[in-house]
């Protein structure tokens, strides 16, 4: 099975960002060409945040 370059590997930060001294999480929706379609930053990484991101992405 071939893996596209960069897939299957996590970045050291893993979608986390330190903004004003607080930890935030980055959610991204990408297409088959790895272009970012939507990005969303949350303070929490839980089911509620994931569902909110999916709903926002679905509307666009």
Protein backbone atom coordinates (compact mmCIF):
# COMPACT_ATOMS: atom_id res chain seq x y z
CA UNK A 1 0.00 0.00 0.00
CA UNK A 2 1.46 3.36 -1.04
CA UNK A 3 1.21 6.33 1.27
CA UNK A 4 1.20 9.87 -0.09
CA UNK A 5 4.05 12.09 1.11
CA UNK A 6 3.34 13.52 4.54
CA UNK A 7 0.38 11.29 5.26
CA UNK A 8 0.42 9.03 8.25
CA UNK A 9 2.90 11.21 10.08
CA UNK A 10 2.06 13.66 12.83
CA UNK A 11 3.62 17.05 13.16
CA UNK A 12 5.44 17.61 16.46
CA UNK A 13 2.73 20.02 17.61
CA UNK A 14 -0.08 17.77 16.36
CA UNK A 15 -2.63 20.52 15.64
CA UNK A 16 -2.00 22.40 18.86
CA UNK A 17 -1.22 26.10 19.13
CA UNK A 18 -0.21 28.31 22.02
CA UNK A 19 -2.21 31.55 21.71
CA UNK A 20 -1.73 34.24 24.37
CA UNK A 21 -0.26 31.62 26.69
CA UNK A 22 -3.26 29.29 26.39
CA UNK A 23 -3.36 25.94 24.59
CA UNK A 24 -5.75 25.82 21.60
CA UNK A 25 -6.50 23.08 19.08
CA UNK A 26 -6.65 23.42 15.31
CA UNK A 27 -9.28 21.49 13.36
CA UNK A 28 -8.91 21.31 9.58
CA UNK A 29 -10.97 19.88 6.74
CA UNK A 30 -8.89 18.97 3.68
CA UNK A 31 -9.79 17.68 0.23
CA UNK A 32 -8.20 14.82 -1.69
CA UNK A 33 -5.39 17.12 -2.87
CA UNK A 34 -4.58 18.15 0.74
CA UNK A 35 -5.91 21.68 0.25
CA UNK A 36 -7.36 23.16 3.43
CA UNK A 37 -11.09 23.76 2.94
CA UNK A 38 -11.93 24.98 6.42
CA UNK A 39 -9.98 25.67 9.61
CA UNK A 40 -11.35 26.14 13.12
CA UNK A 41 -9.60 26.87 16.43
CA UNK A 42 -11.04 25.68 19.76
CA UNK A 43 -9.93 25.73 23.38
CA UNK A 44 -11.06 22.17 23.97
CA UNK A 45 -10.49 18.91 22.15
CA UNK A 46 -13.65 16.93 22.79
CA UNK A 47 -16.74 15.56 21.08
CA UNK A 48 -18.65 18.84 21.34
CA UNK A 49 -15.86 20.78 19.61
CA UNK A 50 -15.59 18.16 16.85
CA UNK A 51 -19.33 18.20 16.17
CA UNK A 52 -19.39 22.00 16.13
CA UNK A 53 -16.58 21.99 13.56
CA UNK A 54 -18.37 19.44 11.38
CA UNK A 55 -21.61 21.43 11.48
CA UNK A 56 -19.82 24.65 10.51
CA UNK A 57 -17.97 22.90 7.70
CA UNK A 58 -21.16 21.31 6.38
CA UNK A 59 -22.89 24.71 6.13
CA UNK A 60 -20.22 26.07 3.76
